PDB file of N, CA and C in Angstrom:
ATOM      1  N   MET A   1     215.702 120.272 319.576  1.00  0.00           N
ATOM      2  CA  MET A   1     215.823 118.962 319.710  1.00  0.00           C
ATOM      3  C   MET A   1     214.695 118.748 320.791  1.00  0.00           C
ATOM      4  N   THR A   2     213.726 117.453 320.131  1.00  0.00           N
ATOM      5  CA  THR A   2     212.340 117.153 320.805  1.00  0.00           C
ATOM      6  C   THR A   2     212.667 116.302 322.255  1.00  0.00           C
ATOM      7  N   ALA A   3     211.767 116.041 323.066  1.00  0.00           N
ATOM      8  CA  ALA A   3     212.124 114.729 324.230  1.00  0.00           C
ATOM      9  C   ALA A   3     212.358 113.383 323.399  1.00  0.00           C
ATOM     10  N   ILE A   4     211.488 113.299 322.371  1.00  0.00           N
ATOM     11  CA  ILE A   4     211.516 112.113 321.877  1.00  0.00           C
ATOM     12  C   ILE A   4     213.028 111.596 321.201  1.00  0.00           C
ATOM     13  N   ASP A   5     213.812 112.546 320.528  1.00  0.00           N
ATOM     14  CA  ASP A   5     215.085 112.854 320.156  1.00  0.00           C
ATOM     15  C   ASP A   5     215.881 112.639 321.432  1.00  0.00           C
ATOM     16  N   LYS A   6     215.682 112.958 322.253  1.00  0.00           N
ATOM     17  CA  LYS A   6     216.703 112.958 323.369  1.00  0.00           C
ATOM     18  C   LYS A   6     216.397 111.500 324.119  1.00  0.00           C
ATOM     19  N   PHE A   7     215.350 110.872 324.032  1.00  0.00           N
ATOM     20  CA  PHE A   7     215.205 109.666 324.604  1.00  0.00           C
ATOM     21  C   PHE A   7     215.915 108.751 323.557  1.00  0.00           C
ATOM     22  N   GLY A   8     215.742 108.814 322.346  1.00  0.00           N
ATOM     23  CA  GLY A   8     216.109 108.009 321.212  1.00  0.00           C
ATOM     24  C   GLY A   8     218.012 108.042 321.289  1.00  0.00           C
ATOM     25  N   ASP A   9     218.425 109.393 321.826  1.00  0.00           N
ATOM     26  CA  ASP A   9     219.716 109.199 321.814  1.00  0.00           C
ATOM     27  C   ASP A   9     220.572 108.546 323.152  1.00  0.00           C
ATOM     28  N   MET A  10     219.361 108.800 324.196  1.00  0.00           N
ATOM     29  CA  MET A  10     219.868 108.277 325.586  1.00  0.00           C
ATOM     30  C   MET A  10     219.756 106.544 325.422  1.00  0.00           C
ATOM     31  N   PHE A  11     218.720 106.136 324.571  1.00  0.00           N
ATOM     32  CA  PHE A  11     218.421 104.736 324.588  1.00  0.00           C
ATOM     33  C   PHE A  11     219.588 104.281 323.587  1.00  0.00           C
ATOM     34  N   ASP A  12     220.205 104.967 322.349  1.00  0.00           N
ATOM     35  CA  ASP A  12     221.384 104.372 321.527  1.00  0.00           C
ATOM     36  C   ASP A  12     222.674 104.243 322.520  1.00  0.00           C
ATOM     37  N   ASN A  13     222.715 105.009 323.410  1.00  0.00           N
ATOM     38  CA  ASN A  13     223.919 105.132 324.318  1.00  0.00           C
ATOM     39  C   ASN A  13     223.981 103.944 325.213  1.00  0.00           C
ATOM     40  N   LEU A  14     222.814 103.206 325.498  1.00  0.00           N
ATOM     41  CA  LEU A  14     222.725 102.167 326.402  1.00  0.00           C
ATOM     42  C   LEU A  14     223.357 100.848 325.584  1.00  0.00           C
ATOM     43  N   SER A  15     223.829  99.982 326.551  1.00  0.00           N
ATOM     44  CA  SER A  15     224.632  98.653 326.453  1.00  0.00           C
ATOM     45  C   SER A  15     223.366  97.760 325.609  1.00  0.00           C
ATOM     46  N   PRO A  16     223.737  96.968 324.936  1.00  0.00           N
ATOM     47  CA  PRO A  16     222.871  95.970 324.045  1.00  0.00           C
ATOM     48  C   PRO A  16     221.967  94.998 325.029  1.00  0.00           C
ATOM     49  N   ALA A  17     222.613  94.756 326.361  1.00  0.00           N
ATOM     50  CA  ALA A  17     222.142  94.280 327.408  1.00  0.00           C
ATOM     51  C   ALA A  17     220.995  94.923 328.061  1.00  0.00           C
ATOM     52  N   ALA A  18     221.069  96.216 328.117  1.00  0.00           N
ATOM     53  CA  ALA A  18     220.187  97.288 328.761  1.00  0.00           C
ATOM     54  C   ALA A  18     219.189  97.512 327.976  1.00  0.00           C
ATOM     55  N   GLN A  19     219.314  97.599 326.722  1.00  0.00           N
ATOM     56  CA  GLN A  19     218.484  97.987 325.734  1.00  0.00           C
ATOM     57  C   GLN A  19     217.351  96.679 325.317  1.00  0.00           C
ATOM     58  N   ASN A  20     217.944  95.511 325.592  1.00  0.00           N
ATOM     59  CA  ASN A  20     217.259  94.094 325.702  1.00  0.00           C
ATOM     60  C   ASN A  20     216.059  94.408 326.870  1.00  0.00           C
ATOM     61  N   MET A  21     216.867  94.329 327.796  1.00  0.00           N
ATOM     62  CA  MET A  21     216.133  94.378 329.351  1.00  0.00           C
ATOM     63  C   MET A  21     214.780  95.265 329.239  1.00  0.00           C
ATOM     64  N   LEU A  22     215.305  96.694 328.622  1.00  0.00           N
ATOM     65  CA  LEU A  22     214.071  97.798 328.531  1.00  0.00           C
ATOM     66  C   LEU A  22     212.900  97.338 327.462  1.00  0.00           C
ATOM     67  N   LEU A  23     213.609  96.838 326.173  1.00  0.00           N
ATOM     68  CA  LEU A  23     212.649  96.326 325.385  1.00  0.00           C
ATOM     69  C   LEU A  23     211.775  94.962 325.862  1.00  0.00           C
ATOM     70  N   GLU A  24     212.386  94.117 326.397  1.00  0.00           N
ATOM     71  CA  GLU A  24     211.623  92.624 326.982  1.00  0.00           C
ATOM     72  C   GLU A  24     210.779  93.057 328.422  1.00  0.00           C
ATOM     73  N   GLY A  25     211.288  93.905 329.248  1.00  0.00           N
ATOM     74  CA  GLY A  25     210.203  93.888 330.061  1.00  0.00           C
ATOM     75  C   GLY A  25     208.983  94.763 330.422  1.00  0.00           C
ATOM     76  N   PRO A  26     208.514  94.868 331.303  1.00  0.00           N
ATOM     77  CA  PRO A  26     206.894  95.557 331.401  1.00  0.00           C
ATOM     78  C   PRO A  26     207.369  96.954 331.378  1.00  0.00           C
ATOM     79  N   SER A  27     206.317  97.653 330.773  1.00  0.00           N
ATOM     80  CA  SER A  27     206.588  98.966 330.738  1.00  0.00           C
ATOM     81  C   SER A  27     206.434  99.735 331.853  1.00  0.00           C
ATOM     82  N   ILE A  28     205.399  99.028 332.397  1.00  0.00           N
ATOM     83  CA  ILE A  28     205.131  99.533 334.213  1.00  0.00           C
ATOM     84  C   ILE A  28     205.051  98.374 334.935  1.00  0.00           C
ATOM     85  N   THR A  29     205.062  98.720 336.190  1.00  0.00           N
ATOM     86  CA  THR A  29     204.680  97.540 337.117  1.00  0.00           C
ATOM     87  C   THR A  29     203.464  97.400 337.431  1.00  0.00           C
ATOM     88  N   PRO A  30     203.074  96.220 337.536  1.00  0.00           N
ATOM     89  CA  PRO A  30     201.407  96.250 337.634  1.00  0.00           C
ATOM     90  C   PRO A  30     201.146  96.752 339.193  1.00  0.00           C
ATOM     91  N   PRO A  31     199.792  97.064 339.341  1.00  0.00           N
ATOM     92  CA  PRO A  31     199.249  97.187 340.792  1.00  0.00           C
ATOM     93  C   PRO A  31     199.210  96.122 341.742  1.00  0.00           C
ATOM     94  N   HIS A  32     199.656  96.807 343.090  1.00  0.00           N
ATOM     95  CA  HIS A  32     199.614  95.644 344.247  1.00  0.00           C
ATOM     96  C   HIS A  32     198.485  94.580 343.891  1.00  0.00           C
ATOM     97  N   GLY A  33     198.454  93.456 343.979  1.00  0.00           N
ATOM     98  CA  GLY A  33     197.682  92.398 344.318  1.00  0.00           C
ATOM     99  C   GLY A  33     197.268  91.639 342.996  1.00  0.00           C
ATOM    100  N   VAL A  34     197.920  92.322 341.961  1.00  0.00           N
ATOM    101  CA  VAL A  34     197.620  92.068 340.419  1.00  0.00           C
ATOM    102  C   VAL A  34     198.807  91.407 339.815  1.00  0.00           C
ATOM    103  N   GLU A  35     198.665  90.328 339.401  1.00  0.00           N
ATOM    104  CA  GLU A  35     199.456  89.312 338.686  1.00  0.00           C
ATOM    105  C   GLU A  35     199.317  89.288 337.334  1.00  0.00           C
ATOM    106  N   PRO A  36     200.599  89.707 336.588  1.00  0.00           N
ATOM    107  CA  PRO A  36     200.003  89.775 334.886  1.00  0.00           C
ATOM    108  C   PRO A  36     200.114  88.259 334.700  1.00  0.00           C
ATOM    109  N   ASN A  37     199.201  87.918 333.380  1.00  0.00           N
ATOM    110  CA  ASN A  37     199.203  86.672 332.569  1.00  0.00           C
ATOM    111  C   ASN A  37     199.387  87.062 331.353  1.00  0.00           C
ATOM    112  N   PHE A  38     200.622  86.994 330.687  1.00  0.00           N
ATOM    113  CA  PHE A  38     200.677  87.170 329.373  1.00  0.00           C
ATOM    114  C   PHE A  38     200.374  85.906 328.531  1.00  0.00           C
ATOM    115  N   VAL A  39     200.814  85.015 329.176  1.00  0.00           N
ATOM    116  CA  VAL A  39     200.869  83.324 328.568  1.00  0.00           C
ATOM    117  C   VAL A  39     199.599  83.233 328.018  1.00  0.00           C
ATOM    118  N   ASP A  40     198.523  83.219 328.864  1.00  0.00           N
ATOM    119  CA  ASP A  40     196.981  82.394 328.723  1.00  0.00           C
ATOM    120  C   ASP A  40     196.040  83.421 329.662  1.00  0.00           C
ATOM    121  N   PRO A  41     195.869  84.588 329.168  1.00  0.00           N
ATOM    122  CA  PRO A  41     195.287  85.741 329.428  1.00  0.00           C
ATOM    123  C   PRO A  41     193.429  85.205 329.398  1.00  0.00           C
ATOM    124  N   PRO A  42     192.896  85.498 330.619  1.00  0.00           N
ATOM    125  CA  PRO A  42     191.288  85.118 330.277  1.00  0.00           C
ATOM    126  C   PRO A  42     190.651  85.883 329.120  1.00  0.00           C
ATOM    127  N   ASN A  43     189.790  85.136 328.561  1.00  0.00           N
ATOM    128  CA  ASN A  43     189.008  86.095 327.722  1.00  0.00           C
ATOM    129  C   ASN A  43     187.633  85.476 327.776  1.00  0.00           C
ATOM    130  N   SER A  44     186.920  86.013 326.876  1.00  0.00           N
ATOM    131  CA  SER A  44     185.718  85.595 326.284  1.00  0.00           C
ATOM    132  C   SER A  44     185.347  84.774 325.112  1.00  0.00           C
ATOM    133  N   ASN A  45     186.305  84.217 324.729  1.00  0.00           N
ATOM    134  CA  ASN A  45     186.176  83.363 323.494  1.00  0.00           C
ATOM    135  C   ASN A  45     185.129  82.416 323.448  1.00  0.00           C
ATOM    136  N   MET A  46     184.826  81.783 324.668  1.00  0.00           N
ATOM    137  CA  MET A  46     183.917  80.917 324.531  1.00  0.00           C
ATOM    138  C   MET A  46     182.227  81.545 324.452  1.00  0.00           C
ATOM    139  N   ILE A  47     182.075  82.528 324.541  1.00  0.00           N
ATOM    140  CA  ILE A  47     180.917  83.492 324.750  1.00  0.00           C
ATOM    141  C   ILE A  47     180.748  83.620 323.229  1.00  0.00           C
ATOM    142  N   GLY A  48     181.638  84.091 322.801  1.00  0.00           N
ATOM    143  CA  GLY A  48     181.544  84.280 321.054  1.00  0.00           C
ATOM    144  C   GLY A  48     181.521  82.925 320.364  1.00  0.00           C
ATOM    145  N   TRP A  49     182.167  81.889 320.719  1.00  0.00           N
ATOM    146  CA  TRP A  49     181.613  80.521 320.194  1.00  0.00           C
ATOM    147  C   TRP A  49     180.067  79.912 320.156  1.00  0.00           C
ATOM    148  N   MET A  50     179.857  80.230 321.450  1.00  0.00           N
ATOM    149  CA  MET A  50     178.497  79.766 321.590  1.00  0.00           C
ATOM    150  C   MET A  50     177.539  81.024 321.020  1.00  0.00           C
ATOM    151  N   VAL A  51     177.627  82.115 320.821  1.00  0.00           N
ATOM    152  CA  VAL A  51     176.851  83.028 319.847  1.00  0.00           C
ATOM    153  C   VAL A  51     176.757  82.170 318.624  1.00  0.00           C
ATOM    154  N   VAL A  52     177.969  81.911 318.159  1.00  0.00           N
ATOM    155  CA  VAL A  52     178.116  81.289 316.530  1.00  0.00           C
ATOM    156  C   VAL A  52     177.147  80.322 316.504  1.00  0.00           C
ATOM    157  N   ILE A  53     177.419  79.236 317.291  1.00  0.00           N
ATOM    158  CA  ILE A  53     176.828  77.916 317.416  1.00  0.00           C
ATOM    159  C   ILE A  53     175.280  78.058 317.618  1.00  0.00           C
ATOM    160  N   VAL A  54     174.895  78.686 318.375  1.00  0.00           N
ATOM    161  CA  VAL A  54     173.524  79.127 318.463  1.00  0.00           C
ATOM    162  C   VAL A  54     172.664  79.728 317.316  1.00  0.00           C
ATOM    163  N   GLY A  55     173.672  80.855 316.624  1.00  0.00           N
ATOM    164  CA  GLY A  55     173.002  81.378 315.494  1.00  0.00           C
ATOM    165  C   GLY A  55     172.792  80.399 314.271  1.00  0.00           C
ATOM    166  N   SER A  56     174.107  79.630 314.306  1.00  0.00           N
ATOM    167  CA  SER A  56     174.047  78.738 313.150  1.00  0.00           C
ATOM    168  C   SER A  56     172.697  77.655 313.283  1.00  0.00           C
ATOM    169  N   VAL A  57     172.727  77.254 314.330  1.00  0.00           N
ATOM    170  CA  VAL A  57     171.671  76.220 314.437  1.00  0.00           C
ATOM    171  C   VAL A  57     170.312  76.746 314.212  1.00  0.00           C
ATOM    172  N   LEU A  58     170.153  77.924 314.815  1.00  0.00           N
ATOM    173  CA  LEU A  58     168.898  78.544 314.171  1.00  0.00           C
ATOM    174  C   LEU A  58     168.869  78.988 312.726  1.00  0.00           C
ATOM    175  N   CYS A  59     169.590  79.304 312.367  1.00  0.00           N
ATOM    176  CA  CYS A  59     169.453  79.679 310.696  1.00  0.00           C
ATOM    177  C   CYS A  59     169.190  78.292 309.964  1.00  0.00           C
ATOM    178  N   VAL A  60     170.236  77.391 310.345  1.00  0.00           N
ATOM    179  CA  VAL A  60     169.865  76.100 309.645  1.00  0.00           C
ATOM    180  C   VAL A  60     168.491  75.569 309.922  1.00  0.00           C
ATOM    181  N   GLY A  61     168.159  75.739 311.091  1.00  0.00           N
ATOM    182  CA  GLY A  61     166.750  75.295 311.739  1.00  0.00           C
ATOM    183  C   GLY A  61     165.461  75.881 310.549  1.00  0.00           C
ATOM    184  N   ALA A  62     165.968  77.425 310.530  1.00  0.00           N
ATOM    185  CA  ALA A  62     164.855  77.928 309.787  1.00  0.00           C
ATOM    186  C   ALA A  62     164.634  77.665 308.348  1.00  0.00           C
ATOM    187  N   MET A  63     165.777  77.618 308.055  1.00  0.00           N
ATOM    188  CA  MET A  63     166.031  77.068 306.433  1.00  0.00           C
ATOM    189  C   MET A  63     165.406  76.043 306.272  1.00  0.00           C
ATOM    190  N   ALA A  64     165.600  74.894 307.099  1.00  0.00           N
ATOM    191  CA  ALA A  64     165.220  73.643 306.908  1.00  0.00           C
ATOM    192  C   ALA A  64     163.361  73.817 306.814  1.00  0.00           C
ATOM    193  N   ILE A  65     162.992  74.267 307.940  1.00  0.00           N
ATOM    194  CA  ILE A  65     161.652  74.672 307.867  1.00  0.00           C
ATOM    195  C   ILE A  65     160.933  75.116 306.697  1.00  0.00           C
ATOM    196  N   ARG A  66     161.588  75.907 306.326  1.00  0.00           N
ATOM    197  CA  ARG A  66     161.238  76.695 304.962  1.00  0.00           C
ATOM    198  C   ARG A  66     161.502  75.982 303.907  1.00  0.00           C
ATOM    199  N   MET A  67     162.413  75.139 303.768  1.00  0.00           N
ATOM    200  CA  MET A  67     162.486  74.143 302.668  1.00  0.00           C
ATOM    201  C   MET A  67     161.366  72.843 302.650  1.00  0.00           C
ATOM    202  N   TYR A  68     161.200  72.491 303.819  1.00  0.00           N
ATOM    203  CA  TYR A  68     160.108  71.547 304.282  1.00  0.00           C
ATOM    204  C   TYR A  68     158.791  72.041 303.697  1.00  0.00           C
ATOM    205  N   ASN A  69     158.318  73.243 304.075  1.00  0.00           N
ATOM    206  CA  ASN A  69     157.014  73.802 303.707  1.00  0.00           C
ATOM    207  C   ASN A  69     157.106  74.074 302.209  1.00  0.00           C
ATOM    208  N   LYS A  70     158.138  74.186 301.589  1.00  0.00           N
ATOM    209  CA  LYS A  70     157.940  74.504 300.182  1.00  0.00           C
ATOM    210  C   LYS A  70     157.801  73.162 299.414  1.00  0.00           C
ATOM    211  N   ILE A  71     158.533  72.248 299.964  1.00  0.00           N
ATOM    212  CA  ILE A  71     158.179  71.216 299.022  1.00  0.00           C
ATOM    213  C   ILE A  71     157.225  70.152 299.544  1.00  0.00           C
ATOM    214  N   PHE A  72     156.729  70.099 300.527  1.00  0.00           N
ATOM    215  CA  PHE A  72     155.603  69.174 301.015  1.00  0.00           C
ATOM    216  C   PHE A  72     154.392  69.786 301.220  1.00  0.00           C
ATOM    217  N   TYR A  73     154.187  71.324 301.272  1.00  0.00           N
ATOM    218  CA  TYR A  73     153.058  72.010 301.471  1.00  0.00           C
ATOM    219  C   TYR A  73     152.656  72.562 300.377  1.00  0.00           C
ATOM    220  N   VAL A  74     153.609  73.307 299.796  1.00  0.00           N
ATOM    221  CA  VAL A  74     153.278  74.567 298.583  1.00  0.00           C
ATOM    222  C   VAL A  74     153.589  73.643 297.342  1.00  0.00           C
ATOM    223  N   LYS A  75     154.356  72.679 297.561  1.00  0.00           N
ATOM    224  CA  LYS A  75     154.620  71.776 296.123  1.00  0.00           C
ATOM    225  C   LYS A  75     155.332  72.351 295.097  1.00  0.00           C
ATOM    226  N   LYS A  76     155.827  73.420 295.251  1.00  0.00           N
ATOM    227  CA  LYS A  76     156.339  74.323 294.257  1.00  0.00           C
ATOM    228  C   LYS A  76     157.809  75.014 294.543  1.00  0.00           C
ATOM    229  N   VAL A  77     158.717  74.344 294.028  1.00  0.00           N
ATOM    230  CA  VAL A  77     159.931  74.956 294.424  1.00  0.00           C
ATOM    231  C   VAL A  77     160.757  75.560 293.395  1.00  0.00           C
ATOM    232  N   LYS A  78     161.080  77.209 293.470  1.00  0.00           N
ATOM    233  CA  LYS A  78     161.803  78.033 292.976  1.00  0.00           C
ATOM    234  C   LYS A  78     162.889  78.062 292.775  1.00  0.00           C
ATOM    235  N   LEU A  79     163.817  78.935 291.675  1.00  0.00           N
ATOM    236  CA  LEU A  79     165.133  78.736 291.571  1.00  0.00           C
ATOM    237  C   LEU A  79     165.759  79.195 293.073  1.00  0.00           C
ATOM    238  N   GLU A  80     164.986  80.675 293.578  1.00  0.00           N
ATOM    239  CA  GLU A  80     165.378  81.196 294.267  1.00  0.00           C
ATOM    240  C   GLU A  80     165.288  80.757 295.838  1.00  0.00           C
ATOM    241  N   ASP A  81     164.511  79.746 295.860  1.00  0.00           N
ATOM    242  CA  ASP A  81     164.370  78.925 297.261  1.00  0.00           C
ATOM    243  C   ASP A  81     166.129  77.726 297.334  1.00  0.00           C
ATOM    244  N   CYS A  82     166.534  77.450 296.390  1.00  0.00           N
ATOM    245  CA  CYS A  82     167.392  76.806 295.985  1.00  0.00           C
ATOM    246  C   CYS A  82     168.821  77.452 296.228  1.00  0.00           C
ATOM    247  N   MET A  83     168.534  78.725 296.020  1.00  0.00           N
ATOM    248  CA  MET A  83     169.587  79.283 296.051  1.00  0.00           C
ATOM    249  C   MET A  83     170.131  80.397 297.373  1.00  0.00           C
ATOM    250  N   VAL A  84     168.984  80.204 298.211  1.00  0.00           N
ATOM    251  CA  VAL A  84     168.878  80.685 299.703  1.00  0.00           C
ATOM    252  C   VAL A  84     170.552  80.257 300.338  1.00  0.00           C
ATOM    253  N   PRO A  85     171.253  79.380 300.457  1.00  0.00           N
ATOM    254  CA  PRO A  85     172.436  79.004 301.208  1.00  0.00           C
ATOM    255  C   PRO A  85     173.202  79.856 300.444  1.00  0.00           C
ATOM    256  N   ALA A  86     173.382  79.873 298.880  1.00  0.00           N
ATOM    257  CA  ALA A  86     174.622  80.474 298.208  1.00  0.00           C
ATOM    258  C   ALA A  86     174.321  81.962 297.793  1.00  0.00           C
ATOM    259  N   ARG A  87     173.370  82.392 298.515  1.00  0.00           N
ATOM    260  CA  ARG A  87     173.080  83.817 298.373  1.00  0.00           C
ATOM    261  C   ARG A  87     174.400  84.892 299.344  1.00  0.00           C
ATOM    262  N   PRO A  88     174.873  85.750 298.640  1.00  0.00           N
ATOM    263  CA  PRO A  88     175.691  86.452 299.385  1.00  0.00           C
ATOM    264  C   PRO A  88     175.109  87.313 300.620  1.00  0.00           C
ATOM    265  N   ALA A  89     175.745  87.793 301.574  1.00  0.00           N
ATOM    266  CA  ALA A  89     174.799  88.410 302.615  1.00  0.00           C
ATOM    267  C   ALA A  89     174.711  89.994 301.968  1.00  0.00           C
ATOM    268  N   LYS A  90     173.532  90.628 302.565  1.00  0.00           N
ATOM    269  CA  LYS A  90     173.402  91.775 301.793  1.00  0.00           C
ATOM    270  C   LYS A  90     174.208  92.900 302.261  1.00  0.00           C
ATOM    271  N   GLU A  91     174.911  93.882 301.376  1.00  0.00           N
ATOM    272  CA  GLU A  91     175.857  95.026 301.922  1.00  0.00           C
ATOM    273  C   GLU A  91     175.039  96.242 302.389  1.00  0.00           C
ATOM    274  N   SER A  92     175.409  96.877 303.681  1.00  0.00           N
ATOM    275  CA  SER A  92     174.716  97.729 304.264  1.00  0.00           C
ATOM    276  C   SER A  92     175.121  99.066 303.288  1.00  0.00           C
TER     277      SER A  92
END
């Protein structure tokens, strides 16, 4: 019998309230001075959104400059120029 089997047997012998307390409680206590925040933990989502927004603005701007150049200076628009926004990303 392995240690996992022994723990499973011990867990099965507990009352439902004790099992629920073990399952719903923390696995270990946090270090002194650290207060856990599982409801609204800090993250870097704002940095990710800023990268996506800035990258999108730069891409749309570059595409607009390319289309302006093709329409007003080269005066020759080909099919592949119109398909730039519809083209799928290149697979690595």
